[in-house]
Amino acid sequence: RFHAHYQPGNPMNADALEQAIGYRFSRRELLRQALTHRSFSAQHNERLEFLGDSLLNCAVALLLYDAFPTLTEGALSRLRANLVCQQSLADIAVMLQLGKYLQLGDGEQKSGGRTRPSILADACESLLGAIFLDGGFDAARQTVARLYADSIDAINPEQPAKDAKTRLQEYLQGERLPLPDYTLGSTSGQAHEQTFHVECSIPALSIVTRGSASSRRAAEQAAADAAWQLIQQQPSRGTTRRRAP
């Protein structure tokens, strides 16, 4: 079994990570490779990342296909693009505290590699690729379903083309107003069951809203949706105000 005490950068002390993803590896060398950046070793995670990327797209497509049987191919594709983007993957990695398990070279460690979104997103995909090789497609699909459960549940099928953040951003751009500022206020709960609390601020409209969820991205979406609801309730600011779509 893995050691009981975590040591930074040692993926073999990853009991909490396995608990968070809901999967226990049989081939531990796959877990080690998935969490090894190319700056650390020639046995790095880029091939697993390639595998995980394809697997993630397929698994998310299946989730959306089952969850929204009336949506068109175009709407499903847009939803999938929102869910498998770098920011979404990086948010999942933060939720899992993936950064602390990564094996990085000295240069990457000193330059903040453990919190860099691109490295975190790649590691997340690599982890899914490793799960696929270790336990098969069904194990990987179930892991994706657990990690994306909140994001799937937050989707409004009546507005499939745009998520709350995109809708809010496009509206403010149309009104020539500054974009929202999203700030992580705090996190709460155990390491494997954290809740992120995010604030959305739009000073030009005197709006401040908050959202909470099990990932930062989902919390931002909740805060953006709350801001959107307030905007809908505000009276027109003049002839230039358009009703948002």
Protein backbone atom coordinates (compact mmCIF):
# COMPACT_ATOMS: atom_id res chain seq x y z
CA ARG A 1 0.00 0.00 0.00
CA PHE A 2 0.98 3.64 -0.21
CA HIS A 3 2.74 5.25 2.73
CA ALA A 4 0.47 6.87 5.29
CA HIS A 5 2.32 10.20 5.27
CA TYR A 6 2.50 12.42 2.22
CA GLN A 7 5.86 13.66 0.96
CA PRO A 8 5.78 16.52 -1.59
CA GLY A 9 6.30 15.37 -5.15
CA ASN A 10 6.03 11.67 -4.35
CA PRO A 11 3.07 10.21 -6.25
CA MET A 12 3.37 6.91 -4.39
CA ASN A 13 2.12 8.58 -1.21
CA ALA A 14 -1.23 9.30 -2.81
CA ASP A 15 -3.91 7.64 -0.67
CA ALA A 16 -5.88 10.88 -0.46
CA LEU A 17 -5.67 11.34 -4.23
CA GLU A 18 -6.98 7.85 -4.89
CA GLN A 19 -9.77 8.46 -2.42
CA ALA A 20 -10.65 11.73 -4.14
CA ILE A 21 -10.87 10.18 -7.61
CA GLY A 22 -12.54 7.02 -6.31
CA TYR A 23 -10.05 4.66 -7.93
CA ARG A 24 -7.27 2.47 -6.51
CA PHE A 25 -4.42 1.61 -8.88
CA SER A 26 -3.19 -1.95 -9.28
CA ARG A 27 -0.20 -0.97 -11.43
CA ARG A 28 1.40 1.76 -9.38
CA GLU A 29 3.98 2.51 -12.04
CA LEU A 30 1.16 3.95 -14.15
CA LEU A 31 0.21 6.36 -11.38
CA ARG A 32 3.84 7.40 -11.02
CA GLN A 33 4.18 8.04 -14.75
CA ALA A 34 0.89 9.98 -14.88
CA LEU A 35 2.20 12.39 -12.25
CA THR A 36 5.68 12.80 -13.74
CA HIS A 37 6.37 15.92 -15.76
CA ARG A 38 8.85 15.82 -18.62
CA SER A 39 11.13 18.19 -16.69
CA PHE A 40 11.68 15.46 -14.10
CA SER A 41 12.29 12.29 -16.10
CA ALA A 42 12.34 10.76 -19.56
CA GLN A 43 9.56 8.46 -18.28
CA HIS A 44 7.04 11.31 -18.26
CA ASN A 45 3.29 11.59 -18.73
CA GLU A 46 2.89 13.02 -22.24
CA ARG A 47 1.87 9.75 -23.90
CA LEU A 48 -0.68 9.16 -21.14
CA GLU A 49 -1.91 12.71 -21.68
CA PHE A 50 -2.53 11.92 -25.35
CA LEU A 51 -4.54 8.85 -24.35
CA GLY A 52 -6.44 10.66 -21.61
CA ASP A 53 -7.42 13.53 -23.91
CA SER A 54 -9.16 11.19 -26.34
CA LEU A 55 -10.75 9.19 -23.55
CA LEU A 56 -12.03 12.34 -21.81
CA ASN A 57 -13.71 13.61 -24.96
CA CYS A 58 -15.44 10.27 -25.45
CA ALA A 59 -16.51 9.90 -21.80
CA VAL A 60 -17.87 13.46 -21.58
CA ALA A 61 -19.69 12.95 -24.89
CA LEU A 62 -21.38 9.87 -23.42
CA LEU A 63 -22.36 11.77 -20.27
CA LEU A 64 -23.89 14.60 -22.29
CA TYR A 65 -25.59 12.22 -24.73
CA ASP A 66 -27.32 10.41 -21.87
CA ALA A 67 -28.12 13.53 -19.83
CA PHE A 68 -29.62 15.61 -22.66
CA PRO A 69 -31.43 13.34 -25.14
CA THR A 70 -33.12 16.22 -27.00
CA LEU A 71 -30.07 18.39 -27.71
CA THR A 72 -28.63 18.63 -31.22
CA GLU A 73 -25.15 17.55 -32.21
CA GLY A 74 -24.01 21.17 -32.38
CA ALA A 75 -25.30 21.99 -28.89
CA LEU A 76 -23.70 18.85 -27.44
CA SER A 77 -20.39 19.73 -29.10
CA ARG A 78 -20.41 23.22 -27.59
CA LEU A 79 -21.17 21.85 -24.15
CA ARG A 80 -18.38 19.31 -24.45
CA ALA A 81 -15.91 22.02 -25.51
CA ASN A 82 -16.76 23.99 -22.36
CA LEU A 83 -16.25 20.95 -20.15
CA VAL A 84 -12.96 19.62 -21.53
CA CYS A 85 -11.10 22.92 -21.88
CA GLN A 86 -7.84 23.63 -20.05
CA GLN A 87 -9.49 25.77 -17.36
CA SER A 88 -12.06 23.09 -16.55
CA LEU A 89 -9.36 20.43 -16.23
CA ALA A 90 -7.16 22.72 -14.16
CA ASP A 91 -10.07 23.38 -11.80
CA ILE A 92 -10.59 19.65 -11.37
CA ALA A 93 -6.88 19.24 -10.68
CA VAL A 94 -7.06 21.96 -8.01
CA MET A 95 -10.06 20.23 -6.45
CA LEU A 96 -8.02 17.01 -6.30
CA GLN A 97 -4.92 18.88 -5.03
CA LEU A 98 -3.12 17.19 -7.89
CA GLY A 99 -0.27 19.68 -7.95
CA LYS A 100 1.27 18.49 -4.72
CA TYR A 101 1.73 14.96 -6.09
CA LEU A 102 3.51 15.99 -9.29
CA GLN A 103 7.14 15.11 -9.88
CA LEU A 104 8.69 18.24 -11.41
CA GLY A 105 12.20 19.28 -12.30
CA ASP A 106 13.85 21.96 -10.16
CA GLY A 107 13.18 24.67 -12.73
CA GLU A 108 9.46 23.94 -12.94
CA GLN A 109 9.15 23.75 -9.16
CA LYS A 110 10.82 27.14 -8.70
CA SER A 111 8.69 28.76 -11.40
CA GLY A 112 5.39 27.63 -9.86
CA GLY A 113 4.74 24.55 -11.94
CA ARG A 114 2.60 22.94 -9.26
CA THR A 115 -0.07 25.61 -9.77
CA ARG A 116 0.33 26.28 -13.51
CA PRO A 117 -3.01 25.56 -15.26
CA SER A 118 -1.42 23.96 -18.33
CA ILE A 119 0.62 21.49 -16.25
CA LEU A 120 -2.35 20.70 -14.01
CA ALA A 121 -4.69 20.15 -16.97
CA ASP A 122 -2.17 17.87 -18.69
CA ALA A 123 -1.67 15.87 -15.49
CA CYS A 124 -5.42 15.45 -15.12
CA GLU A 125 -5.65 13.98 -18.61
CA SER A 126 -2.63 11.79 -17.93
CA LEU A 127 -4.27 10.45 -14.79
CA LEU A 128 -7.35 9.44 -16.78
CA GLY A 129 -5.15 7.74 -19.37
CA ALA A 130 -3.41 5.80 -16.60
CA ILE A 131 -6.75 4.72 -15.11
CA PHE A 132 -7.80 3.46 -18.54
CA LEU A 133 -4.66 1.35 -18.93
CA ASP A 134 -4.93 0.08 -15.36
CA GLY A 135 -8.65 -0.68 -15.12
CA GLY A 136 -10.20 -0.36 -18.56
CA PHE A 137 -12.60 2.05 -20.21
CA ASP A 138 -15.44 1.55 -17.74
CA ALA A 139 -13.22 2.46 -14.78
CA ALA A 140 -12.06 5.62 -16.58
CA ARG A 141 -15.60 6.52 -17.63
CA GLN A 142 -16.86 6.18 -14.06
CA THR A 143 -14.03 8.40 -12.83
CA VAL A 144 -14.92 11.07 -15.38
CA ALA A 145 -18.57 10.83 -14.33
CA ARG A 146 -17.63 11.44 -10.69
CA LEU A 147 -15.32 14.34 -11.47
CA TYR A 148 -17.82 16.05 -13.77
CA ALA A 149 -21.02 15.32 -11.83
CA ASP A 150 -21.49 18.87 -10.53
CA SER A 151 -20.64 20.47 -13.86
CA ILE A 152 -23.14 18.26 -15.71
CA ASP A 153 -25.84 18.92 -13.11
CA ALA A 154 -25.27 22.69 -13.41
CA ILE A 155 -26.06 22.74 -17.14
CA ASN A 156 -29.36 24.36 -18.08
CA PRO A 157 -30.71 22.42 -21.08
CA GLU A 158 -32.83 25.44 -22.04
CA GLN A 159 -29.63 27.39 -22.71
CA PRO A 160 -27.27 24.74 -24.09
CA ALA A 161 -25.09 26.98 -26.23
CA LYS A 162 -23.67 29.22 -23.50
CA ASP A 163 -22.73 28.66 -19.89
CA ALA A 164 -23.38 31.35 -17.27
CA LYS A 165 -19.90 32.91 -17.47
CA THR A 166 -19.99 33.12 -21.27
CA ARG A 167 -23.49 34.59 -21.28
CA LEU A 168 -22.52 37.21 -18.69
CA GLN A 169 -19.28 38.08 -20.48
CA GLU A 170 -20.95 38.53 -23.86
CA TYR A 171 -23.66 40.70 -22.37
CA LEU A 172 -21.16 43.01 -20.61
CA GLN A 173 -19.06 43.25 -23.76
CA GLY A 174 -22.19 44.26 -25.67
CA GLU A 175 -22.81 47.00 -23.09
CA ARG A 176 -19.13 48.06 -23.24
CA LEU A 177 -18.71 47.37 -19.56
CA PRO A 178 -15.67 45.84 -17.80
CA LEU A 179 -15.71 42.07 -17.46
CA PRO A 180 -16.46 40.43 -14.10
CA ASP A 181 -13.74 39.79 -11.55
CA TYR A 182 -13.85 36.29 -10.05
CA THR A 183 -12.12 35.86 -6.70
CA LEU A 184 -11.69 32.68 -4.69
CA GLY A 185 -12.76 33.65 -1.20
CA SER A 186 -12.19 30.42 0.67
CA THR A 187 -12.41 26.66 0.62
CA SER A 188 -14.03 24.43 3.20
CA GLY A 189 -14.39 20.74 3.96
CA GLN A 190 -12.01 17.78 3.92
CA ALA A 191 -9.28 17.53 1.29
CA HIS A 192 -11.27 15.04 -0.81
CA GLU A 193 -14.61 16.82 -0.33
CA GLN A 194 -13.73 20.49 -0.60
CA THR A 195 -16.20 23.26 -1.33
CA PHE A 196 -14.97 26.35 -3.18
CA HIS A 197 -16.51 29.75 -2.44
CA VAL A 198 -16.11 32.30 -5.25
CA GLU A 199 -17.15 35.96 -5.50
CA CYS A 200 -18.18 37.60 -8.78
CA SER A 201 -17.81 41.37 -8.80
CA ILE A 202 -19.11 43.82 -11.44
CA PRO A 203 -18.39 47.31 -9.99
CA ALA A 204 -19.92 49.14 -12.96
CA LEU A 205 -23.31 47.63 -12.08
CA SER A 206 -22.76 47.58 -8.29
CA ILE A 207 -23.14 43.81 -8.33
CA VAL A 208 -21.37 41.35 -6.05
CA THR A 209 -22.54 37.73 -5.97
CA ARG A 210 -21.21 34.50 -4.55
CA GLY A 211 -21.24 30.89 -5.63
CA SER A 212 -20.20 27.65 -3.96
CA ALA A 213 -19.48 24.24 -5.49
CA SER A 214 -17.09 21.30 -5.33
CA SER A 215 -14.85 22.84 -8.02
CA ARG A 216 -13.70 26.39 -8.58
CA ARG A 217 -15.08 26.41 -12.10
CA ALA A 218 -18.53 25.31 -10.97
CA ALA A 219 -18.46 27.91 -8.17
CA GLU A 220 -17.59 30.63 -10.70
CA GLN A 221 -20.48 29.49 -12.87
CA ALA A 222 -22.84 29.68 -9.89
CA ALA A 223 -21.65 33.19 -9.01
CA ALA A 224 -21.96 34.28 -12.66
CA ASP A 225 -25.49 32.91 -12.85
CA ALA A 226 -26.44 34.80 -9.67
CA ALA A 227 -25.02 38.00 -11.19
CA TRP A 228 -26.96 37.36 -14.38
CA GLN A 229 -30.21 37.01 -12.44
CA LEU A 230 -29.58 40.37 -10.75
CA ILE A 231 -28.91 42.04 -14.09
CA GLN A 232 -32.20 40.72 -15.40
CA GLN A 233 -33.94 42.41 -12.49
CA GLN A 234 -32.31 45.81 -12.99
CA PRO A 235 -34.21 48.58 -14.82
CA SER A 236 -32.92 49.74 -18.19
CA ARG A 237 -30.01 52.21 -18.05
CA GLY A 238 -31.21 53.97 -21.18
CA THR A 239 -31.73 53.48 -24.89
CA THR A 240 -28.44 51.67 -25.31
CA ARG A 241 -29.48 48.86 -22.98
CA ARG A 242 -30.33 45.69 -24.81
CA ARG A 243 -32.19 42.81 -23.29
CA ALA A 244 -29.75 39.94 -23.15
CA PRO A 245 -30.48 36.79 -25.10
